[in-house]
Amino acid sequence: MHSLYNRIQGRNLDRLAALSDGIFAVAMTLLVLDLHIPTAAQIHGERELLLALAALGPQWVAYGLSFLTLGIFWAGQQTQLNHIGEGSRDLTWIHLGFLFAITLMPLSTRLLAEFITYRAALAIYWLNIFAPGVMLYWSWTHATHHNLIKPDTPQEIRGSICRRVLIAQSLYAAGAALCFLSTYVSITVIVLVQLNYAIAPSFRRTNPA
């Protein structure tokens, strides 16, 4: 039997949303702080500067990939919270698990940037995408089964949120599997998936044709 405290804990979603905003902001900031540009002592001409910047390519690729990843997950979580009328203790801990996975993103990003041609680094990065996806899916199914969704939420929205997570994670997994061909091919596919979710939907809304 749940204690009274467990029944009243985590009801206010505003505090959870505020915590999430802060964690995402810090994670996104850490991504750019982890970019290492050449020092003045290493550069003795324009050509050396351009070559040094070109050598940073993997870092910029990993940074752009992760910024998109964090942006998509932030938007996904906020969409869920906007349609959940009331929180619960279990829902709070599910989202804390989600945020735990988000805090690991700068670490997995750095690993990928340093070892971008290694399949193991890409696999770890994919796991860092998979874990928060699982937590978001769990969050929505938990809220649905425990009648936490706002009553005025249309049925098609209830189903579309789960489908979006499942389809996105399936596409990410397919992209990650391509690392057996080339990690660069795999990263390209993952970026295209992200751009589809970040840009294409709004383009279709403004251009119905």
N, C-alpha and C. Protein backbone atom coordinates (compact mmCIF):
# COMPACT_ATOMS: atom_id res chain seq x y z
N MET A 1 0.85 -1.19 0.00
CA MET A 1 0.00 0.00 0.00
C MET A 1 0.89 1.25 0.00
N HIS A 2 0.56 2.18 -0.88
CA HIS A 2 1.34 3.41 -0.95
C HIS A 2 1.07 4.28 0.26
N SER A 3 2.14 4.87 0.79
CA SER A 3 1.98 5.79 1.90
C SER A 3 1.39 7.10 1.38
N LEU A 4 0.88 7.89 2.31
CA LEU A 4 0.31 9.19 1.94
C LEU A 4 1.35 10.05 1.24
N TYR A 5 2.61 10.02 1.74
CA TYR A 5 3.65 10.84 1.13
C TYR A 5 3.89 10.45 -0.33
N ASN A 6 3.93 9.14 -0.60
CA ASN A 6 4.14 8.67 -1.96
C ASN A 6 3.00 9.09 -2.89
N ARG A 7 1.80 9.21 -2.32
CA ARG A 7 0.66 9.60 -3.14
C ARG A 7 0.67 11.08 -3.48
N ILE A 8 1.28 11.89 -2.61
CA ILE A 8 1.26 13.34 -2.86
C ILE A 8 2.54 13.84 -3.51
N GLN A 9 3.57 13.00 -3.56
CA GLN A 9 4.85 13.44 -4.11
C GLN A 9 4.79 13.58 -5.64
N GLY A 10 5.43 14.63 -6.16
CA GLY A 10 5.60 14.78 -7.60
C GLY A 10 4.36 15.23 -8.36
N ARG A 11 3.37 15.80 -7.69
CA ARG A 11 2.14 16.19 -8.38
C ARG A 11 2.34 17.42 -9.28
N ASN A 12 3.17 18.34 -8.85
CA ASN A 12 3.37 19.58 -9.60
C ASN A 12 4.42 19.36 -10.68
N LEU A 13 4.00 19.48 -11.93
CA LEU A 13 4.91 19.25 -13.06
C LEU A 13 5.77 20.48 -13.38
N ASP A 14 5.42 21.64 -12.83
CA ASP A 14 6.19 22.85 -13.13
C ASP A 14 7.63 22.73 -12.64
N ARG A 15 7.80 22.14 -11.46
CA ARG A 15 9.15 21.99 -10.92
C ARG A 15 9.96 21.01 -11.76
N LEU A 16 9.32 19.97 -12.25
CA LEU A 16 10.00 19.00 -13.10
C LEU A 16 10.42 19.65 -14.42
N ALA A 17 9.52 20.46 -14.99
CA ALA A 17 9.84 21.15 -16.24
C ALA A 17 10.99 22.13 -16.04
N ALA A 18 11.00 22.82 -14.90
CA ALA A 18 12.08 23.78 -14.62
C ALA A 18 13.42 23.06 -14.48
N LEU A 19 13.42 21.94 -13.76
CA LEU A 19 14.64 21.15 -13.60
C LEU A 19 15.13 20.66 -14.96
N SER A 20 14.21 20.19 -15.79
CA SER A 20 14.57 19.69 -17.12
C SER A 20 15.19 20.79 -17.97
N ASP A 21 14.59 21.98 -17.94
CA ASP A 21 15.14 23.09 -18.71
C ASP A 21 16.57 23.40 -18.28
N GLY A 22 16.81 23.39 -17.00
CA GLY A 22 18.15 23.67 -16.50
C GLY A 22 19.16 22.62 -16.92
N ILE A 23 18.78 21.35 -16.83
CA ILE A 23 19.69 20.27 -17.20
C ILE A 23 19.98 20.29 -18.69
N PHE A 24 18.97 20.53 -19.51
CA PHE A 24 19.21 20.60 -20.95
C PHE A 24 20.11 21.79 -21.29
N ALA A 25 19.89 22.92 -20.62
CA ALA A 25 20.72 24.10 -20.88
C ALA A 25 22.19 23.82 -20.54
N VAL A 26 22.42 23.16 -19.41
CA VAL A 26 23.79 22.84 -19.01
C VAL A 26 24.41 21.85 -19.99
N ALA A 27 23.66 20.81 -20.36
CA ALA A 27 24.18 19.80 -21.29
C ALA A 27 24.54 20.41 -22.63
N MET A 28 23.68 21.31 -23.14
CA MET A 28 23.97 21.96 -24.42
C MET A 28 25.19 22.87 -24.31
N THR A 29 25.35 23.54 -23.18
CA THR A 29 26.50 24.41 -22.98
C THR A 29 27.79 23.61 -22.89
N LEU A 30 27.74 22.47 -22.20
CA LEU A 30 28.93 21.63 -22.07
C LEU A 30 29.39 21.11 -23.43
N LEU A 31 28.46 20.92 -24.34
CA LEU A 31 28.83 20.45 -25.68
C LEU A 31 29.79 21.43 -26.35
N VAL A 32 29.45 22.71 -26.31
CA VAL A 32 30.30 23.70 -27.00
C VAL A 32 31.57 23.98 -26.21
N LEU A 33 31.51 23.86 -24.88
CA LEU A 33 32.71 24.09 -24.08
C LEU A 33 33.73 22.98 -24.29
N ASP A 34 33.28 21.84 -24.80
CA ASP A 34 34.18 20.72 -25.01
C ASP A 34 34.87 20.77 -26.37
N LEU A 35 34.54 21.79 -27.18
CA LEU A 35 35.24 21.97 -28.45
C LEU A 35 36.60 22.61 -28.17
N HIS A 36 37.64 22.05 -28.73
CA HIS A 36 38.99 22.53 -28.45
C HIS A 36 39.60 23.13 -29.71
N ILE A 37 39.69 24.45 -29.75
CA ILE A 37 40.29 25.12 -30.90
C ILE A 37 41.81 25.20 -30.69
N PRO A 38 42.58 25.31 -31.78
CA PRO A 38 44.04 25.39 -31.63
C PRO A 38 44.46 26.67 -30.92
N THR A 39 45.57 26.59 -30.20
CA THR A 39 46.10 27.77 -29.51
C THR A 39 46.95 28.60 -30.46
N ALA A 40 47.16 29.84 -30.09
CA ALA A 40 47.95 30.75 -30.92
C ALA A 40 49.38 30.26 -31.08
N ALA A 41 49.89 29.58 -30.06
CA ALA A 41 51.27 29.09 -30.13
C ALA A 41 51.45 27.99 -31.17
N GLN A 42 50.34 27.31 -31.52
CA GLN A 42 50.41 26.22 -32.49
C GLN A 42 50.29 26.71 -33.93
N ILE A 43 49.80 27.92 -34.12
CA ILE A 43 49.49 28.41 -35.46
C ILE A 43 50.48 29.50 -35.85
N HIS A 44 51.04 29.37 -37.08
CA HIS A 44 52.03 30.34 -37.55
C HIS A 44 51.68 30.86 -38.95
N GLY A 45 50.43 30.72 -39.34
CA GLY A 45 50.03 31.23 -40.64
C GLY A 45 48.60 30.85 -40.96
N GLU A 46 48.05 31.49 -42.00
CA GLU A 46 46.67 31.23 -42.39
C GLU A 46 46.45 29.77 -42.77
N ARG A 47 47.40 29.20 -43.50
CA ARG A 47 47.26 27.82 -43.95
C ARG A 47 47.22 26.86 -42.77
N GLU A 48 48.08 27.08 -41.80
CA GLU A 48 48.09 26.21 -40.62
C GLU A 48 46.78 26.34 -39.84
N LEU A 49 46.24 27.54 -39.80
CA LEU A 49 44.97 27.74 -39.10
C LEU A 49 43.85 26.96 -39.80
N LEU A 50 43.79 27.06 -41.11
CA LEU A 50 42.75 26.36 -41.86
C LEU A 50 42.90 24.85 -41.72
N LEU A 51 44.12 24.36 -41.76
CA LEU A 51 44.34 22.92 -41.59
C LEU A 51 43.95 22.45 -40.19
N ALA A 52 44.26 23.29 -39.21
CA ALA A 52 43.91 22.94 -37.82
C ALA A 52 42.41 22.92 -37.63
N LEU A 53 41.71 23.87 -38.24
CA LEU A 53 40.25 23.91 -38.14
C LEU A 53 39.63 22.73 -38.87
N ALA A 54 40.21 22.36 -40.00
CA ALA A 54 39.70 21.20 -40.73
C ALA A 54 39.87 19.92 -39.92
N ALA A 55 40.95 19.86 -39.15
CA ALA A 55 41.19 18.68 -38.32
C ALA A 55 40.17 18.55 -37.20
N LEU A 56 39.48 19.65 -36.92
CA LEU A 56 38.45 19.62 -35.87
C LEU A 56 37.11 19.09 -36.41
N GLY A 57 37.08 18.67 -37.66
CA GLY A 57 35.84 18.21 -38.28
C GLY A 57 35.04 17.23 -37.43
N PRO A 58 35.66 16.15 -36.92
CA PRO A 58 34.90 15.21 -36.09
C PRO A 58 34.25 15.85 -34.87
N GLN A 59 34.93 16.83 -34.27
CA GLN A 59 34.36 17.51 -33.11
C GLN A 59 33.11 18.29 -33.50
N TRP A 60 33.18 19.00 -34.63
CA TRP A 60 32.02 19.77 -35.07
C TRP A 60 30.86 18.86 -35.47
N VAL A 61 31.17 17.74 -36.10
CA VAL A 61 30.13 16.78 -36.47
C VAL A 61 29.43 16.26 -35.22
N ALA A 62 30.21 15.85 -34.23
CA ALA A 62 29.64 15.32 -32.99
C ALA A 62 28.85 16.39 -32.25
N TYR A 63 29.35 17.63 -32.26
CA TYR A 63 28.65 18.72 -31.60
C TYR A 63 27.29 18.97 -32.25
N GLY A 64 27.27 19.09 -33.58
CA GLY A 64 26.01 19.33 -34.28
C GLY A 64 25.03 18.19 -34.08
N LEU A 65 25.53 16.97 -34.14
CA LEU A 65 24.68 15.79 -33.93
C LEU A 65 24.05 15.81 -32.55
N SER A 66 24.84 16.10 -31.55
CA SER A 66 24.33 16.07 -30.17
C SER A 66 23.42 17.24 -29.86
N PHE A 67 23.71 18.41 -30.45
CA PHE A 67 22.81 19.54 -30.21
C PHE A 67 21.43 19.24 -30.78
N LEU A 68 21.38 18.63 -31.97
CA LEU A 68 20.10 18.21 -32.54
C LEU A 68 19.42 17.19 -31.65
N THR A 69 20.21 16.23 -31.16
CA THR A 69 19.66 15.18 -30.30
C THR A 69 19.01 15.78 -29.05
N LEU A 70 19.74 16.66 -28.40
CA LEU A 70 19.21 17.28 -27.18
C LEU A 70 17.98 18.14 -27.48
N GLY A 71 18.02 18.86 -28.58
CA GLY A 71 16.87 19.68 -28.95
C GLY A 71 15.62 18.85 -29.18
N ILE A 72 15.79 17.72 -29.86
CA ILE A 72 14.64 16.84 -30.14
C ILE A 72 14.10 16.24 -28.85
N PHE A 73 14.98 15.79 -27.98
CA PHE A 73 14.50 15.20 -26.72
C PHE A 73 13.87 16.24 -25.81
N TRP A 74 14.43 17.46 -25.80
CA TRP A 74 13.81 18.52 -25.00
C TRP A 74 12.39 18.80 -25.50
N ALA A 75 12.24 18.93 -26.81
CA ALA A 75 10.92 19.19 -27.38
C ALA A 75 9.96 18.04 -27.10
N GLY A 76 10.47 16.80 -27.19
CA GLY A 76 9.62 15.65 -26.93
C GLY A 76 9.14 15.60 -25.49
N GLN A 77 10.04 15.88 -24.56
CA GLN A 77 9.64 15.87 -23.15
C GLN A 77 8.64 16.99 -22.86
N GLN A 78 8.90 18.17 -23.40
CA GLN A 78 7.99 19.28 -23.14
C GLN A 78 6.61 19.01 -23.73
N THR A 79 6.56 18.35 -24.88
CA THR A 79 5.27 17.99 -25.47
C THR A 79 4.50 17.07 -24.54
N GLN A 80 5.18 16.09 -23.97
CA GLN A 80 4.51 15.19 -23.03
C GLN A 80 4.01 15.95 -21.81
N LEU A 81 4.88 16.76 -21.22
CA LEU A 81 4.49 17.46 -20.00
C LEU A 81 3.33 18.41 -20.25
N ASN A 82 3.25 18.97 -21.46
CA ASN A 82 2.14 19.86 -21.79
C ASN A 82 0.80 19.14 -21.84
N HIS A 83 0.82 17.84 -22.07
CA HIS A 83 -0.42 17.07 -22.18
C HIS A 83 -0.71 16.21 -20.95
N ILE A 84 0.17 16.28 -19.96
CA ILE A 84 -0.06 15.55 -18.71
C ILE A 84 -0.64 16.53 -17.69
N GLY A 85 -1.79 16.19 -17.16
CA GLY A 85 -2.47 17.11 -16.26
C GLY A 85 -1.89 17.14 -14.86
N GLU A 86 -1.43 15.99 -14.39
CA GLU A 86 -0.91 15.90 -13.02
C GLU A 86 0.17 14.85 -12.97
N GLY A 87 1.21 15.12 -12.17
CA GLY A 87 2.31 14.18 -12.03
C GLY A 87 2.06 13.16 -10.94
N SER A 88 3.05 12.31 -10.74
CA SER A 88 3.01 11.31 -9.68
C SER A 88 4.45 11.00 -9.28
N ARG A 89 4.59 10.31 -8.18
CA ARG A 89 5.93 9.95 -7.71
C ARG A 89 6.65 9.10 -8.76
N ASP A 90 5.96 8.10 -9.29
CA ASP A 90 6.60 7.22 -10.28
C ASP A 90 6.96 7.98 -11.55
N LEU A 91 6.06 8.84 -12.00
CA LEU A 91 6.33 9.61 -13.21
C LEU A 91 7.54 10.52 -13.00
N THR A 92 7.65 11.11 -11.83
CA THR A 92 8.80 11.97 -11.53
C THR A 92 10.10 11.20 -11.65
N TRP A 93 10.14 9.99 -11.10
CA TRP A 93 11.37 9.20 -11.15
C TRP A 93 11.66 8.69 -12.55
N ILE A 94 10.64 8.46 -13.33
CA ILE A 94 10.87 8.09 -14.74
C ILE A 94 11.56 9.24 -15.46
N HIS A 95 11.10 10.46 -15.22
CA HIS A 95 11.71 11.61 -15.88
C HIS A 95 13.09 11.92 -15.30
N LEU A 96 13.32 11.61 -14.06
CA LEU A 96 14.67 11.76 -13.52
C LEU A 96 15.62 10.77 -14.20
N GLY A 97 15.12 9.56 -14.48
CA GLY A 97 15.92 8.61 -15.25
C GLY A 97 16.20 9.12 -16.65
N PHE A 98 15.21 9.75 -17.25
CA PHE A 98 15.38 10.37 -18.56
C PHE A 98 16.47 11.45 -18.50
N LEU A 99 16.43 12.28 -17.48
CA LEU A 99 17.41 13.37 -17.34
C LEU A 99 18.80 12.82 -17.04
N PHE A 100 18.86 11.70 -16.34
CA PHE A 100 20.16 11.06 -16.10
C PHE A 100 20.83 10.70 -17.42
N ALA A 101 20.04 10.14 -18.34
CA ALA A 101 20.58 9.79 -19.66
C ALA A 101 21.00 11.05 -20.42
N ILE A 102 20.25 12.13 -20.25
CA ILE A 102 20.59 13.39 -20.92
C ILE A 102 21.91 13.95 -20.41
N THR A 103 22.19 13.83 -19.12
CA THR A 103 23.44 14.36 -18.57
C THR A 103 24.66 13.62 -19.11
N LEU A 104 24.46 12.41 -19.63
CA LEU A 104 25.58 11.65 -20.19
C LEU A 104 25.91 12.05 -21.62
N MET A 105 25.07 12.85 -22.24
CA MET A 105 25.26 13.19 -23.65
C MET A 105 26.60 13.89 -23.92
N PRO A 106 27.04 14.86 -23.10
CA PRO A 106 28.35 15.46 -23.38
C PRO A 106 29.49 14.43 -23.33
N LEU A 107 29.38 13.44 -22.45
CA LEU A 107 30.42 12.41 -22.34
C LEU A 107 30.45 11.53 -23.58
N SER A 108 29.28 11.05 -24.01
CA SER A 108 29.25 10.18 -25.19
C SER A 108 29.60 10.97 -26.45
N THR A 109 29.29 12.27 -26.45
CA THR A 109 29.65 13.11 -27.58
C THR A 109 31.16 13.25 -27.69
N ARG A 110 31.82 13.48 -26.57
CA ARG A 110 33.27 13.59 -26.57
C ARG A 110 33.92 12.29 -27.02
N LEU A 111 33.37 11.18 -26.56
CA LEU A 111 33.90 9.86 -26.96
C LEU A 111 33.78 9.68 -28.47
N LEU A 112 32.62 10.05 -29.02
CA LEU A 112 32.41 9.92 -30.46
C LEU A 112 33.35 10.85 -31.23
N ALA A 113 33.55 12.06 -30.74
CA ALA A 113 34.42 13.01 -31.42
C ALA A 113 35.87 12.52 -31.47
N GLU A 114 36.30 11.88 -30.40
CA GLU A 114 37.68 11.40 -30.33
C GLU A 114 37.89 10.11 -31.12
N PHE A 115 36.84 9.29 -31.22
CA PHE A 115 36.98 7.98 -31.87
C PHE A 115 35.86 7.79 -32.89
N ILE A 116 35.72 8.76 -33.79
CA ILE A 116 34.58 8.78 -34.71
C ILE A 116 34.60 7.62 -35.70
N THR A 117 35.74 7.00 -35.92
CA THR A 117 35.81 5.87 -36.84
C THR A 117 35.64 4.52 -36.14
N TYR A 118 35.43 4.54 -34.83
CA TYR A 118 35.30 3.29 -34.06
C TYR A 118 33.82 2.96 -33.87
N ARG A 119 33.46 1.73 -34.20
CA ARG A 119 32.07 1.30 -34.06
C ARG A 119 31.63 1.28 -32.60
N ALA A 120 32.56 0.95 -31.69
CA ALA A 120 32.20 0.91 -30.26
C ALA A 120 31.78 2.29 -29.77
N ALA A 121 32.49 3.33 -30.21
CA ALA A 121 32.14 4.70 -29.80
C ALA A 121 30.77 5.07 -30.32
N LEU A 122 30.47 4.68 -31.56
CA LEU A 122 29.17 5.00 -32.13
C LEU A 122 28.07 4.21 -31.43
N ALA A 123 28.37 2.95 -31.08
CA ALA A 123 27.38 2.13 -30.38
C ALA A 123 27.03 2.73 -29.02
N ILE A 124 28.04 3.22 -28.31
CA ILE A 124 27.80 3.85 -27.01
C ILE A 124 26.97 5.12 -27.20
N TYR A 125 27.29 5.88 -28.24
CA TYR A 125 26.52 7.09 -28.51
C TYR A 125 25.06 6.74 -28.83
N TRP A 126 24.86 5.70 -29.63
CA TRP A 126 23.49 5.29 -29.95
C TRP A 126 22.73 4.88 -28.68
N LEU A 127 23.42 4.18 -27.78
CA LEU A 127 22.78 3.80 -26.51
C LEU A 127 22.34 5.04 -25.73
N ASN A 128 23.11 6.12 -25.88
CA ASN A 128 22.76 7.37 -25.21
C ASN A 128 21.57 8.06 -25.87
N ILE A 129 21.24 7.66 -27.10
CA ILE A 129 20.01 8.11 -27.74
C ILE A 129 18.86 7.16 -27.39
N PHE A 130 19.19 5.88 -27.33
CA PHE A 130 18.16 4.86 -27.07
C PHE A 130 17.59 4.98 -25.67
N ALA A 131 18.45 5.20 -24.68
CA ALA A 131 18.00 5.23 -23.28
C ALA A 131 16.96 6.32 -23.01
N PRO A 132 17.20 7.58 -23.37
CA PRO A 132 16.15 8.58 -23.12
C PRO A 132 14.89 8.34 -23.94
N GLY A 133 15.04 7.72 -25.13
CA GLY A 133 13.86 7.37 -25.92
C GLY A 133 12.99 6.36 -25.19
N VAL A 134 13.63 5.36 -24.58
CA VAL A 134 12.90 4.37 -23.79
C VAL A 134 12.19 5.03 -22.62
N MET A 135 12.88 5.96 -21.95
CA MET A 135 12.29 6.62 -20.79
C MET A 135 11.09 7.48 -21.19
N LEU A 136 11.17 8.14 -22.36
CA LEU A 136 10.04 8.95 -22.81
C LEU A 136 8.85 8.06 -23.16
N TYR A 137 9.12 6.93 -23.78
CA TYR A 137 8.04 5.99 -24.11
C TYR A 137 7.40 5.47 -22.82
N TRP A 138 8.22 5.12 -21.85
CA TRP A 138 7.73 4.63 -20.56
C TRP A 138 6.91 5.71 -19.87
N SER A 139 7.38 6.96 -19.93
CA SER A 139 6.67 8.07 -19.31
C SER A 139 5.25 8.19 -19.86
N TRP A 140 5.13 8.16 -21.19
CA TRP A 140 3.81 8.36 -21.79
C TRP A 140 2.88 7.18 -21.53
N THR A 141 3.40 5.97 -21.63
CA THR A 141 2.55 4.80 -21.35
C THR A 141 2.14 4.77 -19.88
N HIS A 142 3.04 5.16 -18.99
CA HIS A 142 2.69 5.22 -17.57
C HIS A 142 1.60 6.26 -17.33
N ALA A 143 1.76 7.44 -17.92
CA ALA A 143 0.75 8.49 -17.74
C ALA A 143 -0.59 8.07 -18.32
N THR A 144 -0.56 7.34 -19.43
CA THR A 144 -1.80 6.88 -20.05
C THR A 144 -2.50 5.85 -19.18
N HIS A 145 -1.76 4.88 -18.68
CA HIS A 145 -2.35 3.79 -17.89
C HIS A 145 -2.84 4.26 -16.53
N HIS A 146 -2.29 5.37 -16.04
CA HIS A 146 -2.68 5.86 -14.72
C HIS A 146 -3.56 7.12 -14.80
N ASN A 147 -4.11 7.36 -15.99
CA ASN A 147 -5.07 8.46 -16.18
C ASN A 147 -4.52 9.82 -15.76
N LEU A 148 -3.26 10.06 -16.14
CA LEU A 148 -2.64 11.35 -15.84
C LEU A 148 -2.72 12.32 -17.01
N ILE A 149 -3.16 11.83 -18.17
CA ILE A 149 -3.26 12.69 -19.35
C ILE A 149 -4.45 13.64 -19.18
N LYS A 150 -4.29 14.87 -19.66
CA LYS A 150 -5.38 15.83 -19.60
C LYS A 150 -6.60 15.28 -20.35
N PRO A 151 -7.78 15.40 -19.76
CA PRO A 151 -8.99 14.82 -20.38
C PRO A 151 -9.28 15.36 -21.78
N ASP A 152 -8.88 16.61 -22.05
CA ASP A 152 -9.20 17.19 -23.35
C ASP A 152 -8.18 16.85 -24.44
N THR A 153 -7.23 15.97 -24.12
CA THR A 153 -6.24 15.56 -25.11
C THR A 153 -6.88 14.61 -26.11
N PRO A 154 -6.91 14.95 -27.41
CA PRO A 154 -7.54 14.08 -28.40
C PRO A 154 -6.89 12.70 -28.46
N GLN A 155 -7.66 11.70 -28.82
CA GLN A 155 -7.17 10.34 -28.87
C GLN A 155 -6.03 10.18 -29.87
N GLU A 156 -6.11 10.91 -30.99
CA GLU A 156 -5.06 10.78 -32.00
C GLU A 156 -3.72 11.29 -31.49
N ILE A 157 -3.74 12.29 -30.60
CA ILE A 157 -2.50 12.78 -30.01
C ILE A 157 -1.94 11.75 -29.04
N ARG A 158 -2.81 11.12 -28.28
CA ARG A 158 -2.36 10.09 -27.32
C ARG A 158 -1.58 8.99 -28.03
N GLY A 159 -2.11 8.58 -29.18
CA GLY A 159 -1.44 7.51 -29.92
C GLY A 159 -0.23 7.99 -30.70
N SER A 160 -0.28 9.21 -31.21
CA SER A 160 0.80 9.69 -32.07
C SER A 160 2.10 9.88 -31.30
N ILE A 161 2.01 10.22 -30.01
CA ILE A 161 3.23 10.43 -29.23
C ILE A 161 4.01 9.13 -29.09
N CYS A 162 3.30 8.03 -28.81
CA CYS A 162 3.97 6.73 -28.71
C CYS A 162 4.53 6.30 -30.06
N ARG A 163 3.76 6.50 -31.11
CA ARG A 163 4.23 6.10 -32.45
C ARG A 163 5.47 6.88 -32.85
N ARG A 164 5.48 8.15 -32.52
CA ARG A 164 6.63 8.99 -32.89
C ARG A 164 7.90 8.47 -32.23
N VAL A 165 7.81 8.12 -30.94
CA VAL A 165 8.98 7.61 -30.23
C VAL A 165 9.43 6.28 -30.84
N LEU A 166 8.49 5.39 -31.10
CA LEU A 166 8.84 4.07 -31.64
C LEU A 166 9.47 4.19 -33.03
N ILE A 167 8.88 5.01 -33.88
CA ILE A 167 9.41 5.16 -35.24
C ILE A 167 10.80 5.81 -35.20
N ALA A 168 10.95 6.85 -34.39
CA ALA A 168 12.24 7.54 -34.30
C ALA A 168 13.32 6.59 -33.81
N GLN A 169 13.02 5.83 -32.76
CA GLN A 169 14.03 4.91 -32.22
C GLN A 169 14.36 3.79 -33.20
N SER A 170 13.37 3.36 -33.97
CA SER A 170 13.64 2.33 -34.99
C SER A 170 14.57 2.88 -36.07
N LEU A 171 14.35 4.13 -36.47
CA LEU A 171 15.21 4.73 -37.48
C LEU A 171 16.62 4.98 -36.94
N TYR A 172 16.72 5.39 -35.68
CA TYR A 172 18.03 5.57 -35.07
C TYR A 172 18.79 4.24 -35.02
N ALA A 173 18.08 3.17 -34.65
CA ALA A 173 18.71 1.85 -34.57
C ALA A 173 19.19 1.40 -35.94
N ALA A 174 18.38 1.64 -36.97
CA ALA A 174 18.77 1.28 -38.33
C ALA A 174 20.00 2.08 -38.75
N GLY A 175 20.01 3.36 -38.41
CA GLY A 175 21.17 4.18 -38.73
C GLY A 175 22.41 3.71 -38.01
N ALA A 176 22.27 3.37 -36.73
CA ALA A 176 23.42 2.89 -35.95
C ALA A 176 23.96 1.58 -36.51
N ALA A 177 23.07 0.72 -37.01
CA ALA A 177 23.50 -0.57 -37.55
C ALA A 177 24.37 -0.41 -38.79
N LEU A 178 24.22 0.71 -39.47
CA LEU A 178 25.03 0.96 -40.66
C LEU A 178 26.50 1.21 -40.34
N CYS A 179 26.83 1.29 -39.05
CA CYS A 179 28.23 1.49 -38.68
C CYS A 179 29.10 0.32 -39.13
N PHE A 180 28.46 -0.84 -39.40
CA PHE A 180 29.23 -1.98 -39.90
C PHE A 180 29.70 -1.73 -41.33
N LEU A 181 29.06 -0.80 -42.02
CA LEU A 181 29.55 -0.36 -43.33
C LEU A 181 30.55 0.77 -43.16
N SER A 182 30.13 1.81 -42.43
CA SER A 182 30.99 2.95 -42.17
C SER A 182 30.35 3.79 -41.07
N THR A 183 31.16 4.24 -40.14
CA THR A 183 30.61 5.09 -39.08
C THR A 183 30.14 6.42 -39.65
N TYR A 184 30.78 6.89 -40.70
CA TYR A 184 30.35 8.16 -41.30
C TYR A 184 28.99 8.01 -41.98
N VAL A 185 28.76 6.87 -42.63
CA VAL A 185 27.45 6.60 -43.23
C VAL A 185 26.40 6.55 -42.13
N SER A 186 26.74 5.88 -41.04
CA SER A 186 25.81 5.75 -39.91
C SER A 186 25.45 7.12 -39.34
N ILE A 187 26.45 7.96 -39.12
CA ILE A 187 26.21 9.29 -38.57
C ILE A 187 25.37 10.13 -39.53
N THR A 188 25.65 10.01 -40.82
CA THR A 188 24.88 10.76 -41.82
C THR A 188 23.41 10.39 -41.77
N VAL A 189 23.12 9.10 -41.67
CA VAL A 189 21.73 8.65 -41.61
C VAL A 189 21.05 9.16 -40.34
N ILE A 190 21.76 9.10 -39.21
CA ILE A 190 21.19 9.58 -37.95
C ILE A 190 20.89 11.07 -38.03
N VAL A 191 21.79 11.84 -38.63
CA VAL A 191 21.57 13.28 -38.80
C VAL A 191 20.35 13.54 -39.68
N LEU A 192 20.20 12.77 -40.75
CA LEU A 192 19.05 12.94 -41.64
C LEU A 192 17.75 12.64 -40.91
N VAL A 193 17.77 11.62 -40.07
CA VAL A 193 16.58 11.30 -39.26
C VAL A 193 16.25 12.48 -38.35
N GLN A 194 17.28 13.03 -37.72
CA GLN A 194 17.07 14.15 -36.81
C GLN A 194 16.54 15.38 -37.55
N LEU A 195 17.11 15.65 -38.71
CA LEU A 195 16.64 16.80 -39.49
C LEU A 195 15.19 16.62 -39.91
N ASN A 196 14.81 15.38 -40.19
CA ASN A 196 13.42 15.11 -40.55
C ASN A 196 12.48 15.47 -39.41
N TYR A 197 12.85 15.10 -38.19
CA TYR A 197 12.00 15.40 -37.05
C TYR A 197 12.09 16.86 -36.62
N ALA A 198 13.23 17.50 -36.87
CA ALA A 198 13.39 18.89 -36.43
C ALA A 198 12.88 19.90 -37.45
N ILE A 199 13.00 19.58 -38.74
CA ILE A 199 12.70 20.57 -39.78
C ILE A 199 11.55 20.17 -40.67
N ALA A 200 11.55 18.94 -41.15
CA ALA A 200 10.58 18.52 -42.15
C ALA A 200 9.11 18.68 -41.72
N PRO A 201 8.75 18.32 -40.47
CA PRO A 201 7.34 18.46 -40.08
C PRO A 201 6.83 19.88 -40.20
N SER A 202 7.61 20.87 -39.75
CA SER A 202 7.17 22.27 -39.85
C SER A 202 7.11 22.71 -41.30
N PHE A 203 8.01 22.17 -42.14
CA PHE A 203 7.97 22.51 -43.56
C PHE A 203 6.70 21.99 -44.19
N ARG A 204 6.28 20.78 -43.82
CA ARG A 204 5.06 20.22 -44.37
C ARG A 204 3.84 20.98 -43.92
N ARG A 205 3.87 21.50 -42.69
CA ARG A 205 2.71 22.26 -42.21
C ARG A 205 2.54 23.56 -42.99
N THR A 206 3.66 24.19 -43.34
CA THR A 206 3.56 25.45 -44.05
C THR A 206 3.45 25.26 -45.56
N ASN A 207 3.77 24.02 -46.01
CA ASN A 207 3.69 23.71 -47.44
C ASN A 207 2.93 22.39 -47.60
N PRO A 208 1.60 22.41 -47.53
CA PRO A 208 0.81 21.19 -47.55
C PRO A 208 1.05 20.33 -48.78
N ALA A 209 1.44 20.91 -49.89
CA ALA A 209 1.67 20.14 -51.10
C ALA A 209 2.92 19.29 -50.93
